[in-house]
Amino acid sequence: MPIHSDILQIIVDYLYTDEALAIKDSQNVEFICNVLVVADQLLISRLKEICEVAIAEKLTLKNAAELLEFSAMYNAEQLKLSCLQFIGLNMAALLEARTLDVLSDEVVKELSVYYRKMIPAMVRRVITPYPDGPDISSFEPEDGENFVFLREEMNTEQNSQEALFKKAKTKAKKKPRKRSDSSGGYNLSDIIQSPASTVNIIVEFK
């Protein structure tokens, strides 16, 4: 298996020192991914984990989807979890930029499951790739049809709701609302209007 000299140097240094300082200091994500691939093929699990941590620290909106696909391909579970968390927190921006189009169907399903667990309010939401989404032409009228009747129906429903609200509000104004207090079930208006002799007030002396 041919290995680039730079990658081979990192592997040799790791085998002798149990460290990979060049990986931690490197800013080249593609290079670190190549080291991860070789470490995975040589079954050097700890070096692979070091690469995963270094890559996770360099996640951006531009490379998050590609790195998620990469982590799924090479079973980099730690990196995959970091990518899922990053994408879940920045879902709106990534959908708007359409960077999730590079994901395979299996990874999209896995991302959907994780996103629904991460945000319970989205339990019924399914992330779908843009190529399979509906086209705007499917909503355009055909053969001279128009959507005026939909607008009229919506306006009628809105007017009926406003009328019911006004009717309920007027009814609530006409009907006085009784307010009870701690005086044996009497309301305030009864106590004020009734003579003092008709209201029995019991005072307990302790």
Protein backbone atom coordinates (compact mmCIF):
# COMPACT_ATOMS: atom_id res chain seq x y z
CA MET A 1 0.00 0.00 0.00
CA PRO A 2 1.66 3.28 -1.10
CA ILE A 3 1.77 5.92 1.67
CA HIS A 4 2.87 9.51 1.26
CA SER A 5 6.10 10.34 3.04
CA ASP A 6 4.49 13.06 5.22
CA ILE A 7 1.83 10.65 6.43
CA LEU A 8 4.40 7.91 6.99
CA GLN A 9 6.48 10.30 9.09
CA ILE A 10 3.51 11.03 11.36
CA ILE A 11 2.80 7.32 11.80
CA VAL A 12 6.43 6.54 12.65
CA ASP A 13 6.56 9.42 15.14
CA TYR A 14 3.39 8.19 16.77
CA LEU A 15 4.66 4.61 17.06
CA TYR A 16 7.83 5.82 18.78
CA THR A 17 6.48 8.65 20.92
CA ASP A 18 2.77 7.78 21.31
CA GLU A 19 2.04 11.36 20.27
CA ALA A 20 0.96 13.13 17.08
CA LEU A 21 1.91 16.76 17.61
CA ALA A 22 1.98 17.43 13.87
CA ILE A 23 -1.71 16.48 13.68
CA LYS A 24 -2.67 18.74 16.57
CA ASP A 25 -0.79 21.69 15.07
CA SER A 26 -1.89 21.14 11.48
CA GLN A 27 -4.59 23.36 9.95
CA ASN A 28 -4.94 21.23 6.81
CA VAL A 29 -8.17 19.27 7.23
CA GLU A 30 -7.61 17.24 4.06
CA PHE A 31 -4.18 16.12 5.24
CA ILE A 32 -5.53 15.04 8.63
CA CYS A 33 -8.29 13.08 6.85
CA ASN A 34 -5.65 11.26 4.82
CA VAL A 35 -3.79 10.35 8.01
CA LEU A 36 -7.06 9.09 9.50
CA VAL A 37 -7.65 6.86 6.47
CA VAL A 38 -4.17 5.30 6.77
CA ALA A 39 -4.57 4.88 10.53
CA ASP A 40 -7.88 3.13 9.95
CA GLN A 41 -6.34 0.78 7.39
CA LEU A 42 -3.40 -0.02 9.71
CA LEU A 43 -5.75 -0.46 12.70
CA ILE A 44 -4.01 2.24 14.72
CA SER A 45 -7.13 3.17 16.64
CA ARG A 46 -5.68 5.79 18.99
CA LEU A 47 -4.05 7.72 16.15
CA LYS A 48 -7.38 7.59 14.36
CA GLU A 49 -9.11 9.07 17.42
CA ILE A 50 -6.51 11.85 17.60
CA CYS A 51 -7.29 12.69 13.99
CA GLU A 52 -11.02 12.71 14.72
CA VAL A 53 -10.58 15.22 17.55
CA ALA A 54 -8.35 17.44 15.40
CA ILE A 55 -10.87 17.41 12.54
CA ALA A 56 -13.83 18.10 14.85
CA GLU A 57 -12.11 21.26 16.07
CA LYS A 58 -12.05 22.55 12.48
CA LEU A 59 -15.71 22.06 11.57
CA THR A 60 -17.27 24.87 9.54
CA LEU A 61 -20.51 25.44 7.69
CA LYS A 62 -18.73 24.63 4.43
CA ASN A 63 -17.14 21.30 5.36
CA ALA A 64 -19.57 19.89 7.95
CA ALA A 65 -21.63 17.85 5.46
CA GLU A 66 -18.58 16.45 3.66
CA LEU A 67 -16.94 15.49 6.96
CA LEU A 68 -20.14 13.79 8.11
CA GLU A 69 -20.15 11.68 4.97
CA PHE A 70 -16.44 11.01 5.44
CA SER A 71 -16.90 9.90 9.06
CA ALA A 72 -19.70 7.53 8.07
CA MET A 73 -17.53 5.99 5.36
CA TYR A 74 -14.59 5.25 7.68
CA ASN A 75 -16.56 4.48 10.87
CA ALA A 76 -15.19 7.49 12.73
CA GLU A 77 -17.88 7.50 15.40
CA GLN A 78 -16.43 10.33 17.48
CA LEU A 79 -16.15 12.59 14.44
CA LYS A 80 -19.61 11.57 13.25
CA LEU A 81 -21.17 12.59 16.56
CA SER A 82 -19.41 15.95 16.43
CA CYS A 83 -20.64 16.53 12.87
CA LEU A 84 -24.21 15.58 13.79
CA GLN A 85 -24.19 17.99 16.72
CA PHE A 86 -22.71 20.80 14.63
CA ILE A 87 -25.22 20.29 11.80
CA GLY A 88 -28.12 20.03 14.24
CA LEU A 89 -27.22 23.38 15.78
CA ASN A 90 -26.78 25.04 12.38
CA MET A 91 -29.51 23.25 10.43
CA ALA A 92 -31.21 26.39 9.08
CA ALA A 93 -28.00 27.87 7.68
CA LEU A 94 -26.92 24.56 6.12
CA LEU A 95 -30.30 23.99 4.48
CA GLU A 96 -30.29 27.51 3.09
CA ALA A 97 -26.78 27.04 1.68
CA ARG A 98 -27.77 23.60 0.31
CA THR A 99 -24.55 22.04 1.59
CA LEU A 100 -26.38 18.88 2.67
CA ASP A 101 -26.89 17.83 -0.95
CA VAL A 102 -23.63 15.84 -0.83
CA LEU A 103 -24.98 13.43 1.78
CA SER A 104 -26.00 9.92 0.80
CA ASP A 105 -29.51 8.66 1.53
CA GLU A 106 -28.36 6.56 4.49
CA VAL A 107 -26.55 9.47 6.10
CA VAL A 108 -29.55 11.76 5.53
CA LYS A 109 -31.79 9.25 7.33
CA GLU A 110 -29.34 9.02 10.21
CA LEU A 111 -29.17 12.81 10.40
CA SER A 112 -32.97 13.03 10.43
CA VAL A 113 -33.20 10.59 13.33
CA TYR A 114 -30.55 12.45 15.31
CA TYR A 115 -32.14 15.84 14.62
CA ARG A 116 -35.56 14.67 15.83
CA LYS A 117 -34.02 13.30 19.02
CA MET A 118 -32.00 16.47 19.54
CA ILE A 119 -35.05 18.75 19.15
CA PRO A 120 -38.26 17.02 20.34
CA ALA A 121 -40.39 19.74 18.71
CA MET A 122 -39.20 18.47 15.32
CA VAL A 123 -40.20 14.86 16.00
CA ARG A 124 -42.31 14.70 12.82
CA ARG A 125 -39.86 16.55 10.60
CA VAL A 126 -37.95 14.60 7.96
CA ILE A 127 -34.92 16.07 6.24
CA THR A 128 -35.23 15.51 2.49
CA PRO A 129 -32.60 16.17 -0.16
CA TYR A 130 -33.27 19.18 -2.38
CA PRO A 131 -33.28 17.20 -5.67
CA ASP A 132 -36.34 15.27 -4.43
CA GLY A 133 -38.17 18.34 -3.20
CA PRO A 134 -41.27 19.74 -4.94
CA ASP A 135 -40.72 22.16 -7.79
CA ILE A 136 -42.39 25.55 -7.83
CA SER A 137 -44.02 24.69 -11.17
CA SER A 138 -46.18 22.09 -9.41
CA PHE A 139 -47.92 24.94 -7.56
CA GLU A 140 -48.58 27.08 -10.64
CA PRO A 141 -52.11 27.11 -12.11
CA GLU A 142 -52.79 25.16 -15.28
CA ASP A 143 -55.33 25.63 -18.12
CA GLY A 144 -56.37 29.10 -17.01
CA GLU A 145 -57.07 28.10 -13.41
CA ASN A 146 -56.36 30.51 -10.63
CA PHE A 147 -56.28 30.47 -6.87
CA VAL A 148 -58.68 33.36 -6.27
CA PHE A 149 -61.25 31.02 -4.73
CA LEU A 150 -58.70 29.95 -2.13
CA ARG A 151 -58.12 33.54 -1.11
CA GLU A 152 -61.86 34.19 -0.92
CA GLU A 153 -62.37 31.10 1.22
CA MET A 154 -59.56 32.17 3.57
CA ASN A 155 -61.02 35.69 3.83
CA THR A 156 -64.49 34.29 4.57
CA GLU A 157 -63.13 32.02 7.29
CA GLN A 158 -61.16 34.88 8.81
CA ASN A 159 -64.23 37.16 8.79
CA SER A 160 -66.37 34.50 10.48
CA GLN A 161 -63.75 34.01 13.19
CA GLU A 162 -63.61 37.77 13.81
CA ALA A 163 -67.42 37.91 14.04
CA LEU A 164 -67.52 35.08 16.57
CA PHE A 165 -64.81 36.79 18.62
CA LYS A 166 -66.71 40.10 18.67
CA LYS A 167 -69.93 38.32 19.64
CA ALA A 168 -68.24 36.50 22.50
CA LYS A 169 -66.58 39.72 23.66
CA THR A 170 -69.93 41.59 23.66
CA LYS A 171 -71.61 38.77 25.57
CA ALA A 172 -68.84 38.79 28.15
CA LYS A 173 -69.34 42.53 28.70
CA LYS A 174 -73.11 42.16 29.23
CA LYS A 175 -72.80 39.32 31.71
CA PRO A 176 -71.23 40.47 34.99
CA ARG A 177 -68.59 38.19 36.35
CA LYS A 178 -69.09 37.27 39.99
CA ARG A 179 -66.08 37.47 42.20
CA SER A 180 -66.18 35.44 45.36
CA ASP A 181 -64.28 36.27 48.49
CA SER A 182 -63.77 34.62 51.82
CA SER A 183 -67.05 35.92 53.33
CA GLY A 184 -69.08 32.69 53.17
CA GLY A 185 -69.79 32.74 49.43
CA TYR A 186 -71.10 36.30 49.20
CA ASN A 187 -69.86 38.44 46.38
CA LEU A 188 -68.87 42.04 46.82
CA SER A 189 -72.01 43.53 45.20
CA ASP A 190 -74.33 41.61 47.56
CA ILE A 191 -72.48 42.83 50.63
CA ILE A 192 -72.56 46.46 49.50
CA GLN A 193 -76.22 46.52 48.43
CA SER A 194 -77.69 44.45 51.31
CA PRO A 195 -78.46 46.07 54.69
CA ALA A 196 -76.07 45.32 57.47
CA SER A 197 -78.74 43.34 59.31
CA THR A 198 -79.13 40.77 56.52
CA VAL A 199 -75.47 39.88 56.39
CA ASN A 200 -74.31 37.57 59.15
CA ILE A 201 -70.68 38.05 60.04
CA ILE A 202 -69.26 35.51 62.44
CA VAL A 203 -66.24 36.57 64.45
CA GLU A 204 -64.33 33.92 66.31
CA PHE A 205 -62.40 34.86 69.36
CA LYS A 206 -59.41 32.78 70.20
